Amino acid sequence: MILLKLILIPMMIKVLLATRKPLLCALLYGAALFTNGLVFDLAFSGDWLLVTGKLALSTALAYGFFWLLKAFEDAGALYWGIVALGTALLIAF
């Protein structure tokens, strides 16, 4: 799962820079995690509520992260601080 997130986050940042739509990036991120959750998490645990709750929270965190990136795009060092902290937060969750 961590490897998937390490691949997805830079891809979604690139999509954000091209489209400037944080909701689109968060939904794409959530969709990728959902398909991964269906294949692995749900197959092993079988708990729909846990998988759905984790997906909803991850998508909400991703939306906040991508919204902050869009809002502070021209902020220089602050932008890179948001990238570093947001990436760490998304990977940890």
PDB file of N, CA and C in Angstrom:
ATOM      1  N   MET A   1       0.826  -1.188   0.000  1.00  0.00           N
ATOM      2  CA  MET A   1       0.000   0.000   0.000  1.00  0.00           C
ATOM      3  C   MET A   1       0.874   1.257   0.000  1.00  0.00           C
ATOM      4  N   ILE A   2       1.978   1.200   0.736  1.00  0.00           N
ATOM      5  CA  ILE A   2       2.861   2.371   0.796  1.00  0.00           C
ATOM      6  C   ILE A   2       3.481   2.639  -0.574  1.00  0.00           C
ATOM      7  N   LEU A   3       3.852   1.583  -1.265  1.00  0.00           N
ATOM      8  CA  LEU A   3       4.426   1.748  -2.596  1.00  0.00           C
ATOM      9  C   LEU A   3       3.416   2.389  -3.550  1.00  0.00           C
ATOM     10  N   LEU A   4       2.162   1.963  -3.461  1.00  0.00           N
ATOM     11  CA  LEU A   4       1.115   2.563  -4.290  1.00  0.00           C
ATOM     12  C   LEU A   4       0.978   4.053  -3.993  1.00  0.00           C
ATOM     13  N   LYS A   5       0.997   4.413  -2.724  1.00  0.00           N
ATOM     14  CA  LYS A   5       0.879   5.818  -2.350  1.00  0.00           C
ATOM     15  C   LYS A   5       2.095   6.620  -2.819  1.00  0.00           C
ATOM     16  N   LEU A   6       3.284   6.011  -2.727  1.00  0.00           N
ATOM     17  CA  LEU A   6       4.491   6.703  -3.194  1.00  0.00           C
ATOM     18  C   LEU A   6       4.452   6.961  -4.704  1.00  0.00           C
ATOM     19  N   ILE A   7       3.757   6.136  -5.427  1.00  0.00           N
ATOM     20  CA  ILE A   7       3.600   6.342  -6.866  1.00  0.00           C
ATOM     21  C   ILE A   7       2.469   7.324  -7.154  1.00  0.00           C
ATOM     22  N   LEU A   8       1.360   7.193  -6.420  1.00  0.00           N
ATOM     23  CA  LEU A   8       0.178   8.005  -6.688  1.00  0.00           C
ATOM     24  C   LEU A   8       0.345   9.486  -6.344  1.00  0.00           C
ATOM     25  N   ILE A   9       0.956   9.785  -5.236  1.00  0.00           N
ATOM     26  CA  ILE A   9       1.012  11.177  -4.771  1.00  0.00           C
ATOM     27  C   ILE A   9       1.730  12.085  -5.768  1.00  0.00           C
ATOM     28  N   PRO A  10       2.928  11.738  -6.254  1.00  0.00           N
ATOM     29  CA  PRO A  10       3.546  12.614  -7.265  1.00  0.00           C
ATOM     30  C   PRO A  10       2.733  12.701  -8.565  1.00  0.00           C
ATOM     31  N   MET A  11       2.086  11.596  -8.934  1.00  0.00           N
ATOM     32  CA  MET A  11       1.248  11.630 -10.131  1.00  0.00           C
ATOM     33  C   MET A  11       0.083  12.591  -9.949  1.00  0.00           C
ATOM     34  N   MET A  12      -0.545  12.565  -8.782  1.00  0.00           N
ATOM     35  CA  MET A  12      -1.688  13.439  -8.535  1.00  0.00           C
ATOM     36  C   MET A  12      -1.246  14.900  -8.406  1.00  0.00           C
ATOM     37  N   ILE A  13      -0.041  15.142  -7.900  1.00  0.00           N
ATOM     38  CA  ILE A  13       0.478  16.515  -7.867  1.00  0.00           C
ATOM     39  C   ILE A  13       0.665  17.026  -9.289  1.00  0.00           C
ATOM     40  N   LYS A  14       1.154  16.176 -10.169  1.00  0.00           N
ATOM     41  CA  LYS A  14       1.318  16.554 -11.575  1.00  0.00           C
ATOM     42  C   LYS A  14      -0.043  16.830 -12.220  1.00  0.00           C
ATOM     43  N   VAL A  15      -1.039  16.013 -11.924  1.00  0.00           N
ATOM     44  CA  VAL A  15      -2.400  16.247 -12.441  1.00  0.00           C
ATOM     45  C   VAL A  15      -2.939  17.563 -11.892  1.00  0.00           C
ATOM     46  N   LEU A  16      -2.684  17.849 -10.626  1.00  0.00           N
ATOM     47  CA  LEU A  16      -3.133  19.102 -10.031  1.00  0.00           C
ATOM     48  C   LEU A  16      -2.504  20.306 -10.723  1.00  0.00           C
ATOM     49  N   LEU A  17      -1.225  20.220 -11.023  1.00  0.00           N
ATOM     50  CA  LEU A  17      -0.556  21.330 -11.701  1.00  0.00           C
ATOM     51  C   LEU A  17      -1.103  21.529 -13.111  1.00  0.00           C
ATOM     52  N   ALA A  18      -1.548  20.454 -13.745  1.00  0.00           N
ATOM     53  CA  ALA A  18      -2.079  20.559 -15.102  1.00  0.00           C
ATOM     54  C   ALA A  18      -3.536  21.021 -15.125  1.00  0.00           C
ATOM     55  N   THR A  19      -4.340  20.547 -14.163  1.00  0.00           N
ATOM     56  CA  THR A  19      -5.781  20.841 -14.205  1.00  0.00           C
ATOM     57  C   THR A  19      -6.222  21.905 -13.207  1.00  0.00           C
ATOM     58  N   ARG A  20      -5.484  22.070 -12.106  1.00  0.00           N
ATOM     59  CA  ARG A  20      -5.837  22.985 -11.019  1.00  0.00           C
ATOM     60  C   ARG A  20      -7.186  22.627 -10.392  1.00  0.00           C
ATOM     61  N   LYS A  21      -7.471  21.319 -10.312  1.00  0.00           N
ATOM     62  CA  LYS A  21      -8.725  20.827  -9.723  1.00  0.00           C
ATOM     63  C   LYS A  21      -8.408  19.856  -8.587  1.00  0.00           C
ATOM     64  N   PRO A  22      -8.394  20.347  -7.342  1.00  0.00           N
ATOM     65  CA  PRO A  22      -8.038  19.468  -6.222  1.00  0.00           C
ATOM     66  C   PRO A  22      -9.052  18.353  -5.982  1.00  0.00           C
ATOM     67  N   LEU A  23     -10.325  18.605  -6.275  1.00  0.00           N
ATOM     68  CA  LEU A  23     -11.327  17.563  -6.075  1.00  0.00           C
ATOM     69  C   LEU A  23     -11.102  16.392  -7.029  1.00  0.00           C
ATOM     70  N   LEU A  24     -10.755  16.680  -8.262  1.00  0.00           N
ATOM     71  CA  LEU A  24     -10.452  15.627  -9.233  1.00  0.00           C
ATOM     72  C   LEU A  24      -9.281  14.775  -8.756  1.00  0.00           C
ATOM     73  N   CYS A  25      -8.240  15.420  -8.269  1.00  0.00           N
ATOM     74  CA  CYS A  25      -7.062  14.688  -7.786  1.00  0.00           C
ATOM     75  C   CYS A  25      -7.408  13.822  -6.574  1.00  0.00           C
ATOM     76  N   ALA A  26      -8.195  14.371  -5.659  1.00  0.00           N
ATOM     77  CA  ALA A  26      -8.584  13.602  -4.471  1.00  0.00           C
ATOM     78  C   ALA A  26      -9.456  12.409  -4.853  1.00  0.00           C
ATOM     79  N   LEU A  27     -10.365  12.595  -5.805  1.00  0.00           N
ATOM     80  CA  LEU A  27     -11.222  11.485  -6.224  1.00  0.00           C
ATOM     81  C   LEU A  27     -10.432  10.409  -6.962  1.00  0.00           C
ATOM     82  N   LEU A  28      -9.484  10.804  -7.788  1.00  0.00           N
ATOM     83  CA  LEU A  28      -8.637   9.817  -8.454  1.00  0.00           C
ATOM     84  C   LEU A  28      -7.789   9.053  -7.442  1.00  0.00           C
ATOM     85  N   TYR A  29      -7.253   9.765  -6.470  1.00  0.00           N
ATOM     86  CA  TYR A  29      -6.468   9.142  -5.401  1.00  0.00           C
ATOM     87  C   TYR A  29      -7.342   8.160  -4.611  1.00  0.00           C
ATOM     88  N   GLY A  30      -8.543   8.605  -4.260  1.00  0.00           N
ATOM     89  CA  GLY A  30      -9.470   7.745  -3.524  1.00  0.00           C
ATOM     90  C   GLY A  30      -9.894   6.533  -4.334  1.00  0.00           C
ATOM     91  N   ALA A  31     -10.103   6.705  -5.635  1.00  0.00           N
ATOM     92  CA  ALA A  31     -10.495   5.578  -6.487  1.00  0.00           C
ATOM     93  C   ALA A  31      -9.387   4.541  -6.562  1.00  0.00           C
ATOM     94  N   ALA A  32      -8.151   4.985  -6.657  1.00  0.00           N
ATOM     95  CA  ALA A  32      -7.031   4.039  -6.696  1.00  0.00           C
ATOM     96  C   ALA A  32      -6.911   3.288  -5.370  1.00  0.00           C
ATOM     97  N   LEU A  33      -7.086   4.007  -4.262  1.00  0.00           N
ATOM     98  CA  LEU A  33      -7.031   3.333  -2.964  1.00  0.00           C
ATOM     99  C   LEU A  33      -8.210   2.390  -2.782  1.00  0.00           C
ATOM    100  N   PHE A  34      -9.366   2.756  -3.333  1.00  0.00           N
ATOM    101  CA  PHE A  34     -10.550   1.906  -3.215  1.00  0.00           C
ATOM    102  C   PHE A  34     -10.354   0.587  -3.958  1.00  0.00           C
ATOM    103  N   THR A  35      -9.829   0.654  -5.170  1.00  0.00           N
ATOM    104  CA  THR A  35      -9.604  -0.592  -5.913  1.00  0.00           C
ATOM    105  C   THR A  35      -8.556  -1.454  -5.215  1.00  0.00           C
ATOM    106  N   ASN A  36      -7.540  -0.823  -4.681  1.00  0.00           N
ATOM    107  CA  ASN A  36      -6.541  -1.569  -3.923  1.00  0.00           C
ATOM    108  C   ASN A  36      -7.162  -2.150  -2.651  1.00  0.00           C
ATOM    109  N   GLY A  37      -8.027  -1.387  -2.008  1.00  0.00           N
ATOM    110  CA  GLY A  37      -8.702  -1.876  -0.804  1.00  0.00           C
ATOM    111  C   GLY A  37      -9.637  -3.036  -1.098  1.00  0.00           C
ATOM    112  N   LEU A  38     -10.304  -2.986  -2.245  1.00  0.00           N
ATOM    113  CA  LEU A  38     -11.170  -4.103  -2.623  1.00  0.00           C
ATOM    114  C   LEU A  38     -10.378  -5.379  -2.822  1.00  0.00           C
ATOM    115  N   VAL A  39      -9.241  -5.246  -3.469  1.00  0.00           N
ATOM    116  CA  VAL A  39      -8.450  -6.430  -3.781  1.00  0.00           C
ATOM    117  C   VAL A  39      -7.778  -7.005  -2.532  1.00  0.00           C
ATOM    118  N   PHE A  40      -7.191  -6.162  -1.716  1.00  0.00           N
ATOM    119  CA  PHE A  40      -6.386  -6.668  -0.607  1.00  0.00           C
ATOM    120  C   PHE A  40      -7.085  -6.570   0.750  1.00  0.00           C
ATOM    121  N   ASP A  41      -7.477  -5.382   1.168  1.00  0.00           N
ATOM    122  CA  ASP A  41      -8.034  -5.215   2.512  1.00  0.00           C
ATOM    123  C   ASP A  41      -9.341  -5.977   2.688  1.00  0.00           C
ATOM    124  N   LEU A  42     -10.231  -5.838   1.738  1.00  0.00           N
ATOM    125  CA  LEU A  42     -11.532  -6.480   1.866  1.00  0.00           C
ATOM    126  C   LEU A  42     -11.430  -7.993   1.731  1.00  0.00           C
ATOM    127  N   ALA A  43     -10.518  -8.452   0.910  1.00  0.00           N
ATOM    128  CA  ALA A  43     -10.353  -9.897   0.744  1.00  0.00           C
ATOM    129  C   ALA A  43      -9.841 -10.556   2.023  1.00  0.00           C
ATOM    130  N   PHE A  44      -9.020  -9.851   2.780  1.00  0.00           N
ATOM    131  CA  PHE A  44      -8.457 -10.449   3.984  1.00  0.00           C
ATOM    132  C   PHE A  44      -9.276 -10.165   5.235  1.00  0.00           C
ATOM    133  N   SER A  45      -9.787  -8.940   5.370  1.00  0.00           N
ATOM    134  CA  SER A  45     -10.522  -8.622   6.596  1.00  0.00           C
ATOM    135  C   SER A  45     -12.021  -8.832   6.444  1.00  0.00           C
ATOM    136  N   GLY A  46     -12.572  -8.504   5.289  1.00  0.00           N
ATOM    137  CA  GLY A  46     -13.999  -8.692   5.049  1.00  0.00           C
ATOM    138  C   GLY A  46     -14.881  -7.671   5.736  1.00  0.00           C
ATOM    139  N   ASP A  47     -14.324  -6.606   6.253  1.00  0.00           N
ATOM    140  CA  ASP A  47     -15.094  -5.592   6.964  1.00  0.00           C
ATOM    141  C   ASP A  47     -15.324  -4.384   6.056  1.00  0.00           C
ATOM    142  N   TRP A  48     -16.523  -4.271   5.497  1.00  0.00           N
ATOM    143  CA  TRP A  48     -16.858  -3.164   4.589  1.00  0.00           C
ATOM    144  C   TRP A  48     -16.785  -1.812   5.285  1.00  0.00           C
ATOM    145  N   LEU A  49     -17.249  -1.758   6.518  1.00  0.00           N
ATOM    146  CA  LEU A  49     -17.279  -0.488   7.249  1.00  0.00           C
ATOM    147  C   LEU A  49     -15.875   0.061   7.468  1.00  0.00           C
ATOM    148  N   LEU A  50     -14.939  -0.791   7.805  1.00  0.00           N
ATOM    149  CA  LEU A  50     -13.562  -0.362   8.028  1.00  0.00           C
ATOM    150  C   LEU A  50     -12.933   0.147   6.735  1.00  0.00           C
ATOM    151  N   VAL A  51     -13.113  -0.596   5.644  1.00  0.00           N
ATOM    152  CA  VAL A  51     -12.538  -0.208   4.357  1.00  0.00           C
ATOM    153  C   VAL A  51     -13.168   1.097   3.871  1.00  0.00           C
ATOM    154  N   THR A  52     -14.486   1.230   3.997  1.00  0.00           N
ATOM    155  CA  THR A  52     -15.171   2.439   3.547  1.00  0.00           C
ATOM    156  C   THR A  52     -14.798   3.653   4.389  1.00  0.00           C
ATOM    157  N   GLY A  53     -14.699   3.481   5.689  1.00  0.00           N
ATOM    158  CA  GLY A  53     -14.312   4.585   6.563  1.00  0.00           C
ATOM    159  C   GLY A  53     -12.898   5.059   6.295  1.00  0.00           C
ATOM    160  N   LYS A  54     -11.997   4.109   6.110  1.00  0.00           N
ATOM    161  CA  LYS A  54     -10.609   4.464   5.813  1.00  0.00           C
ATOM    162  C   LYS A  54     -10.514   5.175   4.466  1.00  0.00           C
ATOM    163  N   LEU A  55     -11.290   4.713   3.504  1.00  0.00           N
ATOM    164  CA  LEU A  55     -11.307   5.345   2.183  1.00  0.00           C
ATOM    165  C   LEU A  55     -11.842   6.773   2.263  1.00  0.00           C
ATOM    166  N   ALA A  56     -12.924   6.974   2.999  1.00  0.00           N
ATOM    167  CA  ALA A  56     -13.514   8.312   3.122  1.00  0.00           C
ATOM    168  C   ALA A  56     -12.543   9.279   3.798  1.00  0.00           C
ATOM    169  N   LEU A  57     -11.899   8.828   4.846  1.00  0.00           N
ATOM    170  CA  LEU A  57     -10.945   9.693   5.543  1.00  0.00           C
ATOM    171  C   LEU A  57      -9.718   9.985   4.685  1.00  0.00           C
ATOM    172  N   SER A  58      -9.232   8.992   3.966  1.00  0.00           N
ATOM    173  CA  SER A  58      -8.077   9.194   3.080  1.00  0.00           C
ATOM    174  C   SER A  58      -8.409  10.176   1.963  1.00  0.00           C
ATOM    175  N   THR A  59      -9.613  10.065   1.402  1.00  0.00           N
ATOM    176  CA  THR A  59     -10.016  10.973   0.334  1.00  0.00           C
ATOM    177  C   THR A  59     -10.177  12.393   0.866  1.00  0.00           C
ATOM    178  N   ALA A  60     -10.732  12.535   2.066  1.00  0.00           N
ATOM    179  CA  ALA A  60     -10.877  13.863   2.659  1.00  0.00           C
ATOM    180  C   ALA A  60      -9.516  14.486   2.953  1.00  0.00           C
ATOM    181  N   LEU A  61      -8.592  13.710   3.482  1.00  0.00           N
ATOM    182  CA  LEU A  61      -7.237  14.218   3.726  1.00  0.00           C
ATOM    183  C   LEU A  61      -6.548  14.588   2.416  1.00  0.00           C
ATOM    184  N   ALA A  62      -6.750  13.777   1.390  1.00  0.00           N
ATOM    185  CA  ALA A  62      -6.151  14.064   0.090  1.00  0.00           C
ATOM    186  C   ALA A  62      -6.724  15.355  -0.492  1.00  0.00           C
ATOM    187  N   TYR A  63      -8.039  15.562  -0.324  1.00  0.00           N
ATOM    188  CA  TYR A  63      -8.640  16.799  -0.822  1.00  0.00           C
ATOM    189  C   TYR A  63      -8.043  18.016  -0.116  1.00  0.00           C
ATOM    190  N   GLY A  64      -7.908  17.931   1.192  1.00  0.00           N
ATOM    191  CA  GLY A  64      -7.288  19.037   1.930  1.00  0.00           C
ATOM    192  C   GLY A  64      -5.855  19.287   1.485  1.00  0.00           C
ATOM    193  N   PHE A  65      -5.117  18.234   1.274  1.00  0.00           N
ATOM    194  CA  PHE A  65      -3.730  18.343   0.820  1.00  0.00           C
ATOM    195  C   PHE A  65      -3.664  19.006  -0.554  1.00  0.00           C
ATOM    196  N   PHE A  66      -4.461  18.536  -1.502  1.00  0.00           N
ATOM    197  CA  PHE A  66      -4.411  19.098  -2.845  1.00  0.00           C
ATOM    198  C   PHE A  66      -4.974  20.525  -2.884  1.00  0.00           C
ATOM    199  N   TRP A  67      -5.946  20.816  -2.026  1.00  0.00           N
ATOM    200  CA  TRP A  67      -6.471  22.180  -1.953  1.00  0.00           C
ATOM    201  C   TRP A  67      -5.398  23.134  -1.428  1.00  0.00           C
ATOM    202  N   LEU A  68      -4.674  22.702  -0.393  1.00  0.00           N
ATOM    203  CA  LEU A  68      -3.582  23.529   0.134  1.00  0.00           C
ATOM    204  C   LEU A  68      -2.489  23.738  -0.911  1.00  0.00           C
ATOM    205  N   LEU A  69      -2.176  22.697  -1.662  1.00  0.00           N
ATOM    206  CA  LEU A  69      -1.172  22.846  -2.711  1.00  0.00           C
ATOM    207  C   LEU A  69      -1.612  23.860  -3.763  1.00  0.00           C
ATOM    208  N   LYS A  70      -2.879  23.832  -4.119  1.00  0.00           N
ATOM    209  CA  LYS A  70      -3.380  24.797  -5.100  1.00  0.00           C
ATOM    210  C   LYS A  70      -3.369  26.213  -4.517  1.00  0.00           C
ATOM    211  N   ALA A  71      -3.764  26.348  -3.262  1.00  0.00           N
ATOM    212  CA  ALA A  71      -3.847  27.667  -2.640  1.00  0.00           C
ATOM    213  C   ALA A  71      -2.474  28.300  -2.448  1.00  0.00           C
ATOM    214  N   PHE A  72      -1.456  27.493  -2.160  1.00  0.00           N
ATOM    215  CA  PHE A  72      -0.121  28.010  -1.891  1.00  0.00           C
ATOM    216  C   PHE A  72       0.868  27.677  -2.999  1.00  0.00           C
ATOM    217  N   GLU A  73       0.383  27.599  -4.214  1.00  0.00           N
ATOM    218  CA  GLU A  73       1.226  27.209  -5.349  1.00  0.00           C
ATOM    219  C   GLU A  73       2.404  28.155  -5.565  1.00  0.00           C
ATOM    220  N   ASP A  74       2.216  29.437  -5.307  1.00  0.00           N
ATOM    221  CA  ASP A  74       3.265  30.427  -5.546  1.00  0.00           C
ATOM    222  C   ASP A  74       3.991  30.843  -4.265  1.00  0.00           C
ATOM    223  N   ALA A  75       3.909  30.026  -3.219  1.00  0.00           N
ATOM    224  CA  ALA A  75       4.462  30.420  -1.925  1.00  0.00           C
ATOM    225  C   ALA A  75       5.908  29.987  -1.707  1.00  0.00           C
ATOM    226  N   GLY A  76       6.512  29.313  -2.658  1.00  0.00           N
ATOM    227  CA  GLY A  76       7.926  28.941  -2.540  1.00  0.00           C
ATOM    228  C   GLY A  76       8.173  27.860  -1.519  1.00  0.00           C
ATOM    229  N   ALA A  77       8.895  28.213  -0.458  1.00  0.00           N
ATOM    230  CA  ALA A  77       9.287  27.226   0.554  1.00  0.00           C
ATOM    231  C   ALA A  77       8.077  26.664   1.289  1.00  0.00           C
ATOM    232  N   LEU A  78       7.055  27.473   1.486  1.00  0.00           N
ATOM    233  CA  LEU A  78       5.844  26.992   2.147  1.00  0.00           C
ATOM    234  C   LEU A  78       5.184  25.889   1.322  1.00  0.00           C
ATOM    235  N   TYR A  79       5.188  26.050   0.012  1.00  0.00           N
ATOM    236  CA  TYR A  79       4.634  25.035  -0.884  1.00  0.00           C
ATOM    237  C   TYR A  79       5.355  23.698  -0.694  1.00  0.00           C
ATOM    238  N   TRP A  80       6.676  23.737  -0.655  1.00  0.00           N
ATOM    239  CA  TRP A  80       7.439  22.503  -0.505  1.00  0.00           C
ATOM    240  C   TRP A  80       7.288  21.909   0.896  1.00  0.00           C
ATOM    241  N   GLY A  81       7.061  22.759   1.881  1.00  0.00           N
ATOM    242  CA  GLY A  81       6.759  22.253   3.219  1.00  0.00           C
ATOM    243  C   GLY A  81       5.429  21.527   3.252  1.00  0.00           C
ATOM    244  N   ILE A  82       4.439  22.074   2.554  1.00  0.00           N
ATOM    245  CA  ILE A  82       3.138  21.413   2.458  1.00  0.00           C
ATOM    246  C   ILE A  82       3.279  20.088   1.712  1.00  0.00           C
ATOM    247  N   VAL A  83       4.075  20.074   0.657  1.00  0.00           N
ATOM    248  CA  VAL A  83       4.300  18.824  -0.092  1.00  0.00           C
ATOM    249  C   VAL A  83       4.914  17.770   0.829  1.00  0.00           C
ATOM    250  N   ALA A  84       5.934  18.141   1.583  1.00  0.00           N
ATOM    251  CA  ALA A  84       6.627  17.178   2.446  1.00  0.00           C
ATOM    252  C   ALA A  84       5.718  16.671   3.575  1.00  0.00           C
ATOM    253  N   LEU A  85       5.069  17.587   4.283  1.00  0.00           N
ATOM    254  CA  LEU A  85       4.226  17.179   5.403  1.00  0.00           C
ATOM    255  C   LEU A  85       2.974  16.450   4.923  1.00  0.00           C
ATOM    256  N   GLY A  86       2.379  16.926   3.846  1.00  0.00           N
ATOM    257  CA  GLY A  86       1.177  16.269   3.320  1.00  0.00           C
ATOM    258  C   GLY A  86       1.460  14.882   2.787  1.00  0.00           C
ATOM    259  N   THR A  87       2.585  14.738   2.110  1.00  0.00           N
ATOM    260  CA  THR A  87       2.964  13.413   1.614  1.00  0.00           C
ATOM    261  C   THR A  87       3.194  12.452   2.770  1.00  0.00           C
ATOM    262  N   ALA A  88       3.885  12.905   3.793  1.00  0.00           N
ATOM    263  CA  ALA A  88       4.120  12.053   4.970  1.00  0.00           C
ATOM    264  C   ALA A  88       2.803  11.673   5.646  1.00  0.00           C
ATOM    265  N   LEU A  89       1.881  12.622   5.739  1.00  0.00           N
ATOM    266  CA  LEU A  89       0.587  12.348   6.359  1.00  0.00           C
ATOM    267  C   LEU A  89      -0.222  11.354   5.533  1.00  0.00           C
ATOM    268  N   LEU A  90      -0.255  11.530   4.223  1.00  0.00           N
ATOM    269  CA  LEU A  90      -1.012  10.608   3.377  1.00  0.00           C
ATOM    270  C   LEU A  90      -0.405   9.207   3.383  1.00  0.00           C
ATOM    271  N   ILE A  91       0.912   9.121   3.428  1.00  0.00           N
ATOM    272  CA  ILE A  91       1.555   7.805   3.460  1.00  0.00           C
ATOM    273  C   ILE A  91       1.310   7.130   4.814  1.00  0.00           C
ATOM    274  N   ALA A  92       1.342   7.911   5.888  1.00  0.00           N
ATOM    275  CA  ALA A  92       1.147   7.344   7.215  1.00  0.00           C
ATOM    276  C   ALA A  92      -0.278   6.849   7.411  1.00  0.00           C
ATOM    277  N   PHE A  93      -1.232   7.501   6.753  1.00  0.00           N
ATOM    278  CA  PHE A  93      -2.601   7.069   6.917  1.00  0.00           C
ATOM    279  C   PHE A  93      -2.939   6.202   5.755  1.00  0.00           C
TER     280      PHE A  93
END
